[in-house]
Amino acid sequence: MGEREASANGITARYEETETERLLTFQRDGSAAAIAQNIEGYAMLKVRPSADGDELERYYGFDMALDHAAELLGVSPHDLPVPDAASDMGM
């Protein structure tokens, strides 16, 4: 399935699958952001302030969800490391 964790630019990204979701979480200096998608991998992406936080926004595209996650962390979207296992998220 590919790597499930990646680190770069002081940011750690982890990909996991729960019973209901594919979940990509980012951590940076005590701040967090998460992108979730249903386990089947076809629904819109949900951006949250943490893995179990309330949904802030939904996006069709992975790039837009990454933009929002980067904003929550105060970094450029290009600074976010994405583990191989999460690279196909989005519609």
PDB file of N, CA and C in Angstrom:
ATOM      1  N   MET A   1       0.816  -1.202   0.000  1.00  0.00           N
ATOM      2  CA  MET A   1       0.000   0.000   0.000  1.00  0.00           C
ATOM      3  C   MET A   1       0.854   1.258   0.000  1.00  0.00           C
ATOM      4  N   GLY A   2       2.119   1.183   0.314  1.00  0.00           N
ATOM      5  CA  GLY A   2       2.966   2.361   0.334  1.00  0.00           C
ATOM      6  C   GLY A   2       3.208   2.854   1.748  1.00  0.00           C
ATOM      7  N   GLU A   3       4.086   3.814   1.841  1.00  0.00           N
ATOM      8  CA  GLU A   3       4.430   4.385   3.141  1.00  0.00           C
ATOM      9  C   GLU A   3       3.221   5.063   3.770  1.00  0.00           C
ATOM     10  N   ARG A   4       3.103   4.946   5.085  1.00  0.00           N
ATOM     11  CA  ARG A   4       1.985   5.533   5.817  1.00  0.00           C
ATOM     12  C   ARG A   4       2.388   6.733   6.655  1.00  0.00           C
ATOM     13  N   GLU A   5       3.673   7.084   6.664  1.00  0.00           N
ATOM     14  CA  GLU A   5       4.144   8.234   7.424  1.00  0.00           C
ATOM     15  C   GLU A   5       5.220   8.947   6.617  1.00  0.00           C
ATOM     16  N   ALA A   6       5.211  10.275   6.711  1.00  0.00           N
ATOM     17  CA  ALA A   6       6.218  11.085   6.040  1.00  0.00           C
ATOM     18  C   ALA A   6       6.483  12.319   6.888  1.00  0.00           C
ATOM     19  N   SER A   7       7.709  12.801   6.847  1.00  0.00           N
ATOM     20  CA  SER A   7       8.084  14.014   7.577  1.00  0.00           C
ATOM     21  C   SER A   7       8.912  14.911   6.681  1.00  0.00           C
ATOM     22  N   ALA A   8       8.656  16.214   6.780  1.00  0.00           N
ATOM     23  CA  ALA A   8       9.435  17.215   6.050  1.00  0.00           C
ATOM     24  C   ALA A   8       9.059  18.582   6.599  1.00  0.00           C
ATOM     25  N   ASN A   9       9.990  19.495   6.560  1.00  0.00           N
ATOM     26  CA  ASN A   9       9.734  20.884   6.928  1.00  0.00           C
ATOM     27  C   ASN A   9       9.145  21.037   8.324  1.00  0.00           C
ATOM     28  N   GLY A  10       9.513  20.149   9.238  1.00  0.00           N
ATOM     29  CA  GLY A  10       8.995  20.220  10.605  1.00  0.00           C
ATOM     30  C   GLY A  10       7.574  19.715  10.759  1.00  0.00           C
ATOM     31  N   ILE A  11       7.060  19.057   9.733  1.00  0.00           N
ATOM     32  CA  ILE A  11       5.676  18.549   9.730  1.00  0.00           C
ATOM     33  C   ILE A  11       5.719  17.033   9.621  1.00  0.00           C
ATOM     34  N   THR A  12       4.909  16.366  10.426  1.00  0.00           N
ATOM     35  CA  THR A  12       4.769  14.913  10.342  1.00  0.00           C
ATOM     36  C   THR A  12       3.367  14.596   9.841  1.00  0.00           C
ATOM     37  N   ALA A  13       3.289  13.743   8.837  1.00  0.00           N
ATOM     38  CA  ALA A  13       2.004  13.308   8.279  1.00  0.00           C
ATOM     39  C   ALA A  13       1.855  11.816   8.507  1.00  0.00           C
ATOM     40  N   ARG A  14       0.659  11.408   8.934  1.00  0.00           N
ATOM     41  CA  ARG A  14       0.364   9.989   9.139  1.00  0.00           C
ATOM     42  C   ARG A  14      -0.942   9.634   8.442  1.00  0.00           C
ATOM     43  N   TYR A  15      -0.907   8.510   7.748  1.00  0.00           N
ATOM     44  CA  TYR A  15      -2.096   7.992   7.075  1.00  0.00           C
ATOM     45  C   TYR A  15      -2.541   6.727   7.789  1.00  0.00           C
ATOM     46  N   GLU A  16      -3.843   6.619   8.029  1.00  0.00           N
ATOM     47  CA  GLU A  16      -4.387   5.401   8.619  1.00  0.00           C
ATOM     48  C   GLU A  16      -5.791   5.173   8.085  1.00  0.00           C
ATOM     49  N   GLU A  17      -6.250   3.952   8.251  1.00  0.00           N
ATOM     50  CA  GLU A  17      -7.620   3.607   7.882  1.00  0.00           C
ATOM     51  C   GLU A  17      -8.326   3.084   9.110  1.00  0.00           C
ATOM     52  N   THR A  18      -9.514   3.648   9.370  1.00  0.00           N
ATOM     53  CA  THR A  18     -10.354   3.164  10.456  1.00  0.00           C
ATOM     54  C   THR A  18     -11.446   2.302   9.838  1.00  0.00           C
ATOM     55  N   GLU A  19     -12.402   1.895  10.618  1.00  0.00           N
ATOM     56  CA  GLU A  19     -13.517   1.104  10.072  1.00  0.00           C
ATOM     57  C   GLU A  19     -14.339   1.892   9.068  1.00  0.00           C
ATOM     58  N   THR A  20     -14.352   3.227   9.197  1.00  0.00           N
ATOM     59  CA  THR A  20     -15.216   4.041   8.347  1.00  0.00           C
ATOM     60  C   THR A  20     -14.491   5.066   7.496  1.00  0.00           C
ATOM     61  N   GLU A  21     -13.218   5.371   7.791  1.00  0.00           N
ATOM     62  CA  GLU A  21     -12.547   6.467   7.110  1.00  0.00           C
ATOM     63  C   GLU A  21     -11.102   6.169   6.730  1.00  0.00           C
ATOM     64  N   ARG A  22     -10.670   6.874   5.701  1.00  0.00           N
ATOM     65  CA  ARG A  22      -9.253   7.036   5.392  1.00  0.00           C
ATOM     66  C   ARG A  22      -8.882   8.371   6.025  1.00  0.00           C
ATOM     67  N   LEU A  23      -7.814   8.414   6.774  1.00  0.00           N
ATOM     68  CA  LEU A  23      -7.493   9.597   7.557  1.00  0.00           C
ATOM     69  C   LEU A  23      -6.029   9.984   7.381  1.00  0.00           C
ATOM     70  N   LEU A  24      -5.801  11.231   6.999  1.00  0.00           N
ATOM     71  CA  LEU A  24      -4.467  11.787   6.871  1.00  0.00           C
ATOM     72  C   LEU A  24      -4.349  12.924   7.879  1.00  0.00           C
ATOM     73  N   THR A  25      -3.441  12.789   8.838  1.00  0.00           N
ATOM     74  CA  THR A  25      -3.270  13.815   9.859  1.00  0.00           C
ATOM     75  C   THR A  25      -1.889  14.450   9.743  1.00  0.00           C
ATOM     76  N   PHE A  26      -1.840  15.728  10.034  1.00  0.00           N
ATOM     77  CA  PHE A  26      -0.600  16.493  10.022  1.00  0.00           C
ATOM     78  C   PHE A  26      -0.377  17.091  11.405  1.00  0.00           C
ATOM     79  N   GLN A  27       0.873  17.077  11.858  1.00  0.00           N
ATOM     80  CA  GLN A  27       1.259  17.670  13.143  1.00  0.00           C
ATOM     81  C   GLN A  27       2.431  18.612  12.908  1.00  0.00           C
ATOM     82  N   ARG A  28       2.357  19.803  13.512  1.00  0.00           N
ATOM     83  CA  ARG A  28       3.458  20.763  13.424  1.00  0.00           C
ATOM     84  C   ARG A  28       3.445  21.653  14.660  1.00  0.00           C
ATOM     85  N   ASP A  29       4.487  21.603  15.442  1.00  0.00           N
ATOM     86  CA  ASP A  29       4.651  22.485  16.601  1.00  0.00           C
ATOM     87  C   ASP A  29       3.392  22.569  17.470  1.00  0.00           C
ATOM     88  N   GLY A  30       2.773  21.444  17.758  1.00  0.00           N
ATOM     89  CA  GLY A  30       1.584  21.427  18.604  1.00  0.00           C
ATOM     90  C   GLY A  30       0.288  21.725  17.882  1.00  0.00           C
ATOM     91  N   SER A  31       0.348  22.076  16.610  1.00  0.00           N
ATOM     92  CA  SER A  31      -0.853  22.310  15.808  1.00  0.00           C
ATOM     93  C   SER A  31      -1.152  21.059  14.997  1.00  0.00           C
ATOM     94  N   ALA A  32      -2.411  20.901  14.639  1.00  0.00           N
ATOM     95  CA  ALA A  32      -2.815  19.722  13.878  1.00  0.00           C
ATOM     96  C   ALA A  32      -3.838  20.104  12.817  1.00  0.00           C
ATOM     97  N   ALA A  33      -3.927  19.252  11.808  1.00  0.00           N
ATOM     98  CA  ALA A  33      -4.951  19.335  10.772  1.00  0.00           C
ATOM     99  C   ALA A  33      -5.174  17.915  10.279  1.00  0.00           C
ATOM    100  N   ALA A  34      -6.383  17.642   9.819  1.00  0.00           N
ATOM    101  CA  ALA A  34      -6.702  16.294   9.345  1.00  0.00           C
ATOM    102  C   ALA A  34      -7.571  16.376   8.103  1.00  0.00           C
ATOM    103  N   ILE A  35      -7.370  15.398   7.226  1.00  0.00           N
ATOM    104  CA  ILE A  35      -8.197  15.240   6.031  1.00  0.00           C
ATOM    105  C   ILE A  35      -8.762  13.825   6.085  1.00  0.00           C
ATOM    106  N   ALA A  36     -10.086  13.724   5.976  1.00  0.00           N
ATOM    107  CA  ALA A  36     -10.750  12.423   6.070  1.00  0.00           C
ATOM    108  C   ALA A  36     -11.599  12.170   4.835  1.00  0.00           C
ATOM    109  N   GLN A  37     -11.701  10.899   4.472  1.00  0.00           N
ATOM    110  CA  GLN A  37     -12.538  10.464   3.353  1.00  0.00           C
ATOM    111  C   GLN A  37     -13.148   9.127   3.738  1.00  0.00           C
ATOM    112  N   ASN A  38     -14.315   8.804   3.193  1.00  0.00           N
ATOM    113  CA  ASN A  38     -14.906   7.516   3.552  1.00  0.00           C
ATOM    114  C   ASN A  38     -13.975   6.374   3.148  1.00  0.00           C
ATOM    115  N   ILE A  39     -14.135   5.242   3.775  1.00  0.00           N
ATOM    116  CA  ILE A  39     -13.222   4.114   3.578  1.00  0.00           C
ATOM    117  C   ILE A  39     -13.220   3.613   2.138  1.00  0.00           C
ATOM    118  N   GLU A  40     -14.330   3.797   1.421  1.00  0.00           N
ATOM    119  CA  GLU A  40     -14.392   3.368   0.031  1.00  0.00           C
ATOM    120  C   GLU A  40     -13.579   4.283  -0.876  1.00  0.00           C
ATOM    121  N   GLY A  41     -13.254   5.506  -0.392  1.00  0.00           N
ATOM    122  CA  GLY A  41     -12.406   6.407  -1.140  1.00  0.00           C
ATOM    123  C   GLY A  41     -13.068   7.173  -2.260  1.00  0.00           C
ATOM    124  N   TYR A  42     -14.391   7.361  -2.216  1.00  0.00           N
ATOM    125  CA  TYR A  42     -15.030   8.093  -3.301  1.00  0.00           C
ATOM    126  C   TYR A  42     -15.786   9.339  -2.857  1.00  0.00           C
ATOM    127  N   ALA A  43     -15.928   9.586  -1.588  1.00  0.00           N
ATOM    128  CA  ALA A  43     -16.685  10.741  -1.104  1.00  0.00           C
ATOM    129  C   ALA A  43     -15.804  11.977  -1.024  1.00  0.00           C
ATOM    130  N   MET A  44     -16.444  13.120  -0.801  1.00  0.00           N
ATOM    131  CA  MET A  44     -15.704  14.367  -0.636  1.00  0.00           C
ATOM    132  C   MET A  44     -14.773  14.259   0.567  1.00  0.00           C
ATOM    133  N   LEU A  45     -13.707  15.047   0.523  1.00  0.00           N
ATOM    134  CA  LEU A  45     -12.742  15.094   1.616  1.00  0.00           C
ATOM    135  C   LEU A  45     -13.207  16.083   2.671  1.00  0.00           C
ATOM    136  N   LYS A  46     -13.070  15.718   3.919  1.00  0.00           N
ATOM    137  CA  LYS A  46     -13.463  16.579   5.032  1.00  0.00           C
ATOM    138  C   LYS A  46     -12.199  17.085   5.723  1.00  0.00           C
ATOM    139  N   VAL A  47     -12.100  18.388   5.912  1.00  0.00           N
ATOM    140  CA  VAL A  47     -10.960  18.960   6.627  1.00  0.00           C
ATOM    141  C   VAL A  47     -11.408  19.262   8.052  1.00  0.00           C
ATOM    142  N   ARG A  48     -10.566  18.855   9.000  1.00  0.00           N
ATOM    143  CA  ARG A  48     -10.852  19.027  10.426  1.00  0.00           C
ATOM    144  C   ARG A  48      -9.620  19.610  11.116  1.00  0.00           C
ATOM    145  N   PRO A  49      -9.813  20.222  12.288  1.00  0.00           N
ATOM    146  CA  PRO A  49      -8.663  20.731  13.036  1.00  0.00           C
ATOM    147  C   PRO A  49      -7.873  19.628  13.732  1.00  0.00           C
ATOM    148  N   SER A  50      -8.430  18.426  13.784  1.00  0.00           N
ATOM    149  CA  SER A  50      -7.759  17.251  14.365  1.00  0.00           C
ATOM    150  C   SER A  50      -8.477  16.016  13.834  1.00  0.00           C
ATOM    151  N   ALA A  51      -7.907  14.844  14.097  1.00  0.00           N
ATOM    152  CA  ALA A  51      -8.497  13.605  13.585  1.00  0.00           C
ATOM    153  C   ALA A  51      -9.938  13.422  14.040  1.00  0.00           C
ATOM    154  N   ASP A  52     -10.227  13.796  15.277  1.00  0.00           N
ATOM    155  CA  ASP A  52     -11.578  13.609  15.804  1.00  0.00           C
ATOM    156  C   ASP A  52     -12.331  14.930  15.973  1.00  0.00           C
ATOM    157  N   GLY A  53     -11.824  15.997  15.362  1.00  0.00           N
ATOM    158  CA  GLY A  53     -12.464  17.310  15.473  1.00  0.00           C
ATOM    159  C   GLY A  53     -13.672  17.439  14.561  1.00  0.00           C
ATOM    160  N   ASP A  54     -14.374  18.552  14.732  1.00  0.00           N
ATOM    161  CA  ASP A  54     -15.537  18.840  13.907  1.00  0.00           C
ATOM    162  C   ASP A  54     -15.107  19.232  12.497  1.00  0.00           C
ATOM    163  N   GLU A  55     -15.893  18.831  11.541  1.00  0.00           N
ATOM    164  CA  GLU A  55     -15.624  19.146  10.140  1.00  0.00           C
ATOM    165  C   GLU A  55     -15.673  20.657   9.926  1.00  0.00           C
ATOM    166  N   LEU A  56     -14.657  21.188   9.239  1.00  0.00           N
ATOM    167  CA  LEU A  56     -14.625  22.616   8.923  1.00  0.00           C
ATOM    168  C   LEU A  56     -15.129  22.888   7.514  1.00  0.00           C
ATOM    169  N   GLU A  57     -14.785  22.013   6.571  1.00  0.00           N
ATOM    170  CA  GLU A  57     -15.137  22.214   5.174  1.00  0.00           C
ATOM    171  C   GLU A  57     -14.995  20.898   4.420  1.00  0.00           C
ATOM    172  N   ARG A  58     -15.684  20.808   3.261  1.00  0.00           N
ATOM    173  CA  ARG A  58     -15.560  19.630   2.390  1.00  0.00           C
ATOM    174  C   ARG A  58     -15.056  20.065   1.024  1.00  0.00           C
ATOM    175  N   TYR A  59     -14.255  19.188   0.425  1.00  0.00           N
ATOM    176  CA  TYR A  59     -13.681  19.475  -0.887  1.00  0.00           C
ATOM    177  C   TYR A  59     -13.735  18.230  -1.757  1.00  0.00           C
ATOM    178  N   TYR A  60     -13.871  18.437  -3.073  1.00  0.00           N
ATOM    179  CA  TYR A  60     -13.777  17.325  -4.021  1.00  0.00           C
ATOM    180  C   TYR A  60     -12.317  16.969  -4.269  1.00  0.00           C
ATOM    181  N   GLY A  61     -11.489  17.980  -4.386  1.00  0.00           N
ATOM    182  CA  GLY A  61     -10.103  17.760  -4.766  1.00  0.00           C
ATOM    183  C   GLY A  61      -9.147  17.706  -3.597  1.00  0.00           C
ATOM    184  N   PHE A  62      -8.157  16.838  -3.708  1.00  0.00           N
ATOM    185  CA  PHE A  62      -7.134  16.677  -2.684  1.00  0.00           C
ATOM    186  C   PHE A  62      -6.312  17.955  -2.534  1.00  0.00           C
ATOM    187  N   ASP A  63      -6.018  18.628  -3.664  1.00  0.00           N
ATOM    188  CA  ASP A  63      -5.227  19.856  -3.599  1.00  0.00           C
ATOM    189  C   ASP A  63      -5.905  20.923  -2.753  1.00  0.00           C
ATOM    190  N   MET A  64      -7.208  21.071  -2.909  1.00  0.00           N
ATOM    191  CA  MET A  64      -7.944  22.077  -2.126  1.00  0.00           C
ATOM    192  C   MET A  64      -7.959  21.715  -0.638  1.00  0.00           C
ATOM    193  N   ALA A  65      -8.110  20.436  -0.340  1.00  0.00           N
ATOM    194  CA  ALA A  65      -8.087  19.995   1.058  1.00  0.00           C
ATOM    195  C   ALA A  65      -6.699  20.223   1.654  1.00  0.00           C
ATOM    196  N   LEU A  66      -5.647  19.961   0.874  1.00  0.00           N
ATOM    197  CA  LEU A  66      -4.285  20.226   1.349  1.00  0.00           C
ATOM    198  C   LEU A  66      -4.065  21.717   1.586  1.00  0.00           C
ATOM    199  N   ASP A  67      -4.615  22.568   0.718  1.00  0.00           N
ATOM    200  CA  ASP A  67      -4.506  24.019   0.917  1.00  0.00           C
ATOM    201  C   ASP A  67      -5.092  24.426   2.263  1.00  0.00           C
ATOM    202  N   HIS A  68      -6.261  23.902   2.579  1.00  0.00           N
ATOM    203  CA  HIS A  68      -6.929  24.246   3.838  1.00  0.00           C
ATOM    204  C   HIS A  68      -6.141  23.696   5.030  1.00  0.00           C
ATOM    205  N   ALA A  69      -5.662  22.471   4.937  1.00  0.00           N
ATOM    206  CA  ALA A  69      -4.862  21.889   6.021  1.00  0.00           C
ATOM    207  C   ALA A  69      -3.602  22.717   6.254  1.00  0.00           C
ATOM    208  N   ALA A  70      -2.957  23.133   5.183  1.00  0.00           N
ATOM    209  CA  ALA A  70      -1.757  23.964   5.301  1.00  0.00           C
ATOM    210  C   ALA A  70      -2.072  25.289   5.976  1.00  0.00           C
ATOM    211  N   GLU A  71      -3.212  25.871   5.629  1.00  0.00           N
ATOM    212  CA  GLU A  71      -3.636  27.121   6.261  1.00  0.00           C
ATOM    213  C   GLU A  71      -3.804  26.937   7.767  1.00  0.00           C
ATOM    214  N   LEU A  72      -4.400  25.823   8.175  1.00  0.00           N
ATOM    215  CA  LEU A  72      -4.575  25.549   9.603  1.00  0.00           C
ATOM    216  C   LEU A  72      -3.230  25.434  10.331  1.00  0.00           C
ATOM    217  N   LEU A  73      -2.214  24.956   9.621  1.00  0.00           N
ATOM    218  CA  LEU A  73      -0.882  24.786  10.216  1.00  0.00           C
ATOM    219  C   LEU A  73       0.003  26.015  10.033  1.00  0.00           C
ATOM    220  N   GLY A  74      -0.437  26.963   9.221  1.00  0.00           N
ATOM    221  CA  GLY A  74       0.351  28.162   8.978  1.00  0.00           C
ATOM    222  C   GLY A  74       1.554  27.931   8.088  1.00  0.00           C
ATOM    223  N   VAL A  75       1.414  27.028   7.108  1.00  0.00           N
ATOM    224  CA  VAL A  75       2.503  26.712   6.183  1.00  0.00           C
ATOM    225  C   VAL A  75       1.986  26.744   4.748  1.00  0.00           C
ATOM    226  N   SER A  76       2.894  26.626   3.810  1.00  0.00           N
ATOM    227  CA  SER A  76       2.528  26.515   2.402  1.00  0.00           C
ATOM    228  C   SER A  76       2.056  25.088   2.118  1.00  0.00           C
ATOM    229  N   PRO A  77       1.084  24.914   1.241  1.00  0.00           N
ATOM    230  CA  PRO A  77       0.657  23.557   0.889  1.00  0.00           C
ATOM    231  C   PRO A  77       1.808  22.706   0.355  1.00  0.00           C
ATOM    232  N   HIS A  78       2.782  23.347  -0.276  1.00  0.00           N
ATOM    233  CA  HIS A  78       3.932  22.620  -0.825  1.00  0.00           C
ATOM    234  C   HIS A  78       4.850  22.080   0.265  1.00  0.00           C
ATOM    235  N   ASP A  79       4.697  22.586   1.496  1.00  0.00           N
ATOM    236  CA  ASP A  79       5.506  22.111   2.621  1.00  0.00           C
ATOM    237  C   ASP A  79       4.954  20.826   3.232  1.00  0.00           C
ATOM    238  N   LEU A  80       3.707  20.479   2.920  1.00  0.00           N
ATOM    239  CA  LEU A  80       3.086  19.308   3.530  1.00  0.00           C
ATOM    240  C   LEU A  80       3.612  18.013   2.917  1.00  0.00           C
ATOM    241  N   PRO A  81       4.176  17.143   3.735  1.00  0.00           N
ATOM    242  CA  PRO A  81       4.570  15.829   3.221  1.00  0.00           C
ATOM    243  C   PRO A  81       3.332  14.946   3.111  1.00  0.00           C
ATOM    244  N   VAL A  82       3.234  14.178   2.042  1.00  0.00           N
ATOM    245  CA  VAL A  82       2.083  13.285   1.857  1.00  0.00           C
ATOM    246  C   VAL A  82       2.611  11.859   1.703  1.00  0.00           C
ATOM    247  N   PRO A  83       2.271  10.984   2.651  1.00  0.00           N
ATOM    248  CA  PRO A  83       2.703   9.586   2.528  1.00  0.00           C
ATOM    249  C   PRO A  83       2.137   8.958   1.257  1.00  0.00           C
ATOM    250  N   ASP A  84       2.875   8.039   0.669  1.00  0.00           N
ATOM    251  CA  ASP A  84       2.442   7.379  -0.567  1.00  0.00           C
ATOM    252  C   ASP A  84       1.035   6.797  -0.458  1.00  0.00           C
ATOM    253  N   ALA A  85       0.709   6.214   0.687  1.00  0.00           N
ATOM    254  CA  ALA A  85      -0.592   5.563   0.858  1.00  0.00           C
ATOM    255  C   ALA A  85      -1.761   6.544   0.754  1.00  0.00           C
ATOM    256  N   ALA A  86      -1.508   7.829   0.961  1.00  0.00           N
ATOM    257  CA  ALA A  86      -2.571   8.841   0.921  1.00  0.00           C
ATOM    258  C   ALA A  86      -2.609   9.601  -0.407  1.00  0.00           C
ATOM    259  N   SER A  87      -1.709   9.334  -1.301  1.00  0.00           N
ATOM    260  CA  SER A  87      -1.572  10.135  -2.511  1.00  0.00           C
ATOM    261  C   SER A  87      -2.762  10.065  -3.459  1.00  0.00           C
ATOM    262  N   ASP A  88      -3.640   9.072  -3.288  1.00  0.00           N
ATOM    263  CA  ASP A  88      -4.798   8.939  -4.187  1.00  0.00           C
ATOM    264  C   ASP A  88      -6.101   9.431  -3.554  1.00  0.00           C
ATOM    265  N   MET A  89      -6.013  10.167  -2.460  1.00  0.00           N
ATOM    266  CA  MET A  89      -7.235  10.679  -1.837  1.00  0.00           C
ATOM    267  C   MET A  89      -7.853  11.755  -2.735  1.00  0.00           C
ATOM    268  N   GLY A  90      -9.158  11.929  -2.644  1.00  0.00           N
ATOM    269  CA  GLY A  90      -9.877  12.912  -3.445  1.00  0.00           C
ATOM    270  C   GLY A  90     -10.688  12.219  -4.530  1.00  0.00           C
ATOM    271  N   MET A  91     -11.484  13.022  -5.214  1.00  0.00           N
ATOM    272  CA  MET A  91     -12.359  12.463  -6.239  1.00  0.00           C
ATOM    273  C   MET A  91     -11.787  12.693  -7.618  1.00  0.00           C
TER     274      MET A  91
END
